[in-house]
Amino acid sequence: MKYVKAMLGLGAMLALTACSDPVEKVVTDNLQGFQKQDINKVLATLDPSSPVYEGTKTEGARMMETFNLEYRIESMTVIEKPDDEKKAMDKAKLESQDTTGLDDAIGSFVTEADKAKADQKKREQEKANARRPLIAKVKVVQVTRSKGDSSNFLDNRITVVHTLHKYPMDAKPEWKIYSSKITNVEILKDT
């Protein structure tokens, strides 16, 4: 059930028109992958470091084999995103560098063992800073219906909040869905 909820949440995006906002586009592309039953397209929109990535790969493929679903977005709202993404990216890159020059100055006063420890600590800090993401959140209200006669699937309307990450130090930084939290589920009556 946990993965079904995750799949509903991750599949919570399909717009009929192209999105100009890169955050909205990732979410839309995610749902289009589900709509086309293309697990590779879905996975391309997910952060590989997400704790649900592997489960989504397995459960998403299973869901696509089991159900033929139609997705429709009723609303999509970006509720959190860096005001100036370029400045946030530049700031994150700067924070991962030693701009003070103190590392070189201190190097002449410490032993080789102390310097090795300091270098190791610096590498660990740089690695941690490099993986600190920019964060965006998108709230979506989505309707999912079975296209066929599937008594095992309940047509529904969900509200989901997707959290997206973008890692400034990646070679090609891109927004990816890290997690999805379903905040409301409404089972739809047959119409």
Protein backbone atom coordinates (compact mmCIF):
# COMPACT_ATOMS: atom_id res chain seq x y z
CA MET A 1 0.00 0.00 0.00
CA LYS A 2 2.91 2.33 0.79
CA TYR A 3 4.25 2.00 -2.74
CA VAL A 4 0.80 2.36 -4.29
CA LYS A 5 0.46 5.68 -2.44
CA ALA A 6 3.96 6.65 -3.58
CA MET A 7 3.07 5.73 -7.14
CA LEU A 8 -0.13 7.75 -6.99
CA GLY A 9 1.85 10.64 -5.58
CA LEU A 10 4.69 10.37 -8.06
CA GLY A 11 2.21 10.01 -10.88
CA ALA A 12 0.41 13.15 -9.80
CA MET A 13 1.41 15.31 -12.76
CA LEU A 14 0.08 15.73 -16.28
CA ALA A 15 -0.64 19.00 -18.02
CA LEU A 16 -1.99 19.33 -21.51
CA THR A 17 0.31 22.23 -22.27
CA ALA A 18 4.04 22.64 -21.85
CA CYS A 19 5.22 24.23 -18.61
CA SER A 20 7.67 27.09 -18.69
CA ASP A 21 8.62 26.62 -15.03
CA PRO A 22 11.28 23.88 -14.80
CA VAL A 23 9.85 22.66 -11.48
CA GLU A 24 6.37 22.26 -12.96
CA LYS A 25 7.84 20.63 -16.07
CA VAL A 26 9.52 17.86 -14.04
CA VAL A 27 6.25 17.12 -12.31
CA THR A 28 4.36 17.14 -15.62
CA ASP A 29 6.97 14.90 -17.29
CA ASN A 30 6.66 12.47 -14.38
CA LEU A 31 2.94 12.03 -14.90
CA GLN A 32 3.33 11.84 -18.67
CA GLY A 33 5.68 8.89 -18.07
CA PHE A 34 2.92 7.17 -16.11
CA GLN A 35 0.32 8.13 -18.74
CA LYS A 36 2.48 6.59 -21.51
CA GLN A 37 3.35 3.64 -19.24
CA ASP A 38 7.05 4.39 -19.70
CA ILE A 39 8.89 3.56 -16.47
CA ASN A 40 12.17 4.97 -17.85
CA LYS A 41 10.53 8.36 -18.44
CA VAL A 42 9.17 8.24 -14.88
CA LEU A 43 12.58 7.35 -13.43
CA ALA A 44 14.23 10.18 -15.41
CA THR A 45 12.18 12.63 -13.32
CA LEU A 46 13.21 11.15 -9.95
CA ASP A 47 16.20 11.90 -7.75
CA PRO A 48 18.27 8.68 -7.78
CA SER A 49 19.27 9.35 -4.16
CA SER A 50 15.61 9.30 -3.06
CA PRO A 51 14.81 6.53 -0.59
CA VAL A 52 11.79 5.56 -2.74
CA TYR A 53 13.66 5.40 -6.07
CA GLU A 54 14.15 1.61 -6.17
CA GLY A 55 10.64 0.92 -4.87
CA THR A 56 9.20 3.23 -7.51
CA LYS A 57 11.11 1.37 -10.21
CA THR A 58 9.65 -1.96 -9.08
CA GLU A 59 6.16 -0.88 -8.06
CA GLY A 60 5.78 1.57 -10.94
CA ALA A 61 6.50 -1.15 -13.50
CA ARG A 62 4.10 -3.51 -11.68
CA MET A 63 1.39 -0.85 -11.59
CA MET A 64 1.82 -0.15 -15.31
CA GLU A 65 1.49 -3.87 -16.09
CA THR A 66 -1.59 -4.25 -13.88
CA PHE A 67 -3.58 -1.10 -14.64
CA ASN A 68 -4.32 1.13 -17.61
CA LEU A 69 -4.79 4.51 -15.95
CA GLU A 70 -5.65 8.01 -17.09
CA TYR A 71 -4.31 11.01 -15.18
CA ARG A 72 -5.61 14.57 -15.14
CA ILE A 73 -4.27 17.52 -13.18
CA GLU A 74 -6.96 19.73 -11.70
CA SER A 75 -4.48 22.19 -10.20
CA MET A 76 -0.75 22.63 -9.69
CA THR A 77 0.83 25.27 -7.44
CA VAL A 78 4.51 25.85 -6.72
CA ILE A 79 4.42 26.46 -2.96
CA GLU A 80 8.16 26.75 -2.32
CA LYS A 81 11.13 27.49 -4.56
CA PRO A 82 14.25 29.67 -4.36
CA ASP A 83 13.30 33.26 -5.23
CA ASP A 84 16.40 33.66 -7.35
CA GLU A 85 17.60 30.24 -8.43
CA LYS A 86 20.81 31.51 -10.03
CA LYS A 87 21.84 33.32 -6.83
CA ALA A 88 21.01 30.24 -4.76
CA MET A 89 23.11 28.06 -7.10
CA ASP A 90 26.05 30.49 -6.97
CA LYS A 91 25.81 30.71 -3.17
CA ALA A 92 25.84 26.92 -2.81
CA LYS A 93 28.88 26.63 -5.08
CA LEU A 94 30.69 29.36 -3.16
CA GLU A 95 29.97 27.70 0.18
CA SER A 96 31.71 24.55 -1.01
CA GLN A 97 34.98 26.42 -1.60
CA ASP A 98 37.62 27.85 0.74
CA THR A 99 37.66 31.51 -0.26
CA THR A 100 39.48 32.73 2.84
CA GLY A 101 42.89 31.34 1.96
CA LEU A 102 43.25 30.25 5.58
CA ASP A 103 43.77 26.62 4.60
CA ASP A 104 47.04 27.52 2.85
CA ALA A 105 48.20 29.87 5.62
CA ILE A 106 47.49 27.33 8.37
CA GLY A 107 49.28 24.64 6.39
CA SER A 108 52.67 26.05 7.31
CA PHE A 109 51.96 25.78 11.07
CA VAL A 110 50.63 22.23 11.40
CA THR A 111 52.15 18.77 11.26
CA GLU A 112 51.65 16.49 8.27
CA ALA A 113 49.30 14.27 10.31
CA ASP A 114 47.22 17.28 11.37
CA LYS A 115 47.20 18.53 7.80
CA ALA A 116 46.04 15.13 6.51
CA LYS A 117 43.21 15.12 9.08
CA ALA A 118 42.24 18.67 8.14
CA ASP A 119 42.32 17.81 4.43
CA GLN A 120 40.10 14.77 5.02
CA LYS A 121 37.64 16.87 7.05
CA LYS A 122 37.63 19.53 4.33
CA ARG A 123 36.92 16.92 1.63
CA GLU A 124 34.05 15.52 3.70
CA GLN A 125 32.62 19.00 4.22
CA GLU A 126 32.93 19.84 0.52
CA LYS A 127 31.22 16.56 -0.35
CA ALA A 128 28.39 17.32 2.10
CA ASN A 129 28.03 20.86 0.73
CA ALA A 130 28.06 19.57 -2.85
CA ARG A 131 25.12 17.27 -2.08
CA ARG A 132 23.10 19.91 -0.22
CA PRO A 133 20.20 20.53 -2.58
CA LEU A 134 18.08 23.48 -3.47
CA ILE A 135 14.49 22.57 -2.56
CA ALA A 136 11.17 23.23 -4.25
CA LYS A 137 7.68 22.01 -3.37
CA VAL A 138 4.69 21.62 -5.66
CA LYS A 139 1.11 20.95 -4.56
CA VAL A 140 -1.01 19.03 -7.05
CA VAL A 141 -4.64 17.98 -7.14
CA GLN A 142 -4.91 15.05 -9.54
CA VAL A 143 -7.66 12.75 -10.73
CA THR A 144 -6.71 9.17 -11.63
CA ARG A 145 -9.19 6.90 -13.38
CA SER A 146 -9.00 3.42 -14.80
CA LYS A 147 -9.35 3.39 -18.60
CA GLY A 148 -10.61 -0.15 -18.60
CA ASP A 149 -12.88 -2.34 -16.54
CA SER A 150 -10.68 -2.68 -13.49
CA SER A 151 -12.48 -3.67 -10.33
CA ASN A 152 -9.12 -3.66 -8.51
CA PHE A 153 -8.56 0.09 -8.94
CA LEU A 154 -10.62 2.81 -7.29
CA ASP A 155 -10.85 6.03 -9.29
CA ASN A 156 -9.63 8.83 -7.06
CA ARG A 157 -8.74 12.47 -6.55
CA ILE A 158 -5.60 13.05 -4.54
CA THR A 159 -3.80 16.06 -3.21
CA VAL A 160 -0.05 15.50 -3.14
CA VAL A 161 2.93 17.66 -2.28
CA HIS A 162 6.06 16.81 -4.25
CA THR A 163 9.45 17.83 -2.87
CA LEU A 164 12.05 18.38 -5.57
CA HIS A 165 15.82 18.63 -5.21
CA LYS A 166 18.44 20.28 -7.41
CA TYR A 167 22.12 19.75 -6.61
CA PRO A 168 24.18 22.84 -7.54
CA MET A 169 27.48 20.94 -7.74
CA ASP A 170 26.23 18.33 -10.24
CA ALA A 171 27.73 18.56 -13.72
CA LYS A 172 24.25 19.31 -15.09
CA PRO A 173 22.02 20.46 -12.21
CA GLU A 174 18.36 19.57 -12.78
CA TRP A 175 15.23 19.51 -10.65
CA LYS A 176 14.17 15.96 -9.72
CA ILE A 177 11.36 14.65 -7.54
CA TYR A 178 12.80 13.49 -4.22
CA SER A 179 9.62 12.62 -2.34
CA SER A 180 5.86 12.86 -2.53
CA LYS A 181 3.40 13.13 0.33
CA ILE A 182 -0.27 12.48 -0.25
CA THR A 183 -2.28 14.81 1.96
CA ASN A 184 -5.80 13.86 0.83
CA VAL A 185 -7.46 10.97 -1.02
CA GLU A 186 -11.05 11.06 -2.25
CA ILE A 187 -12.52 7.92 -3.83
CA LEU A 188 -14.66 8.91 -6.80
CA LYS A 189 -18.05 7.37 -7.45
CA ASP A 190 -18.76 5.85 -10.85
CA THR A 191 -19.90 8.54 -13.27
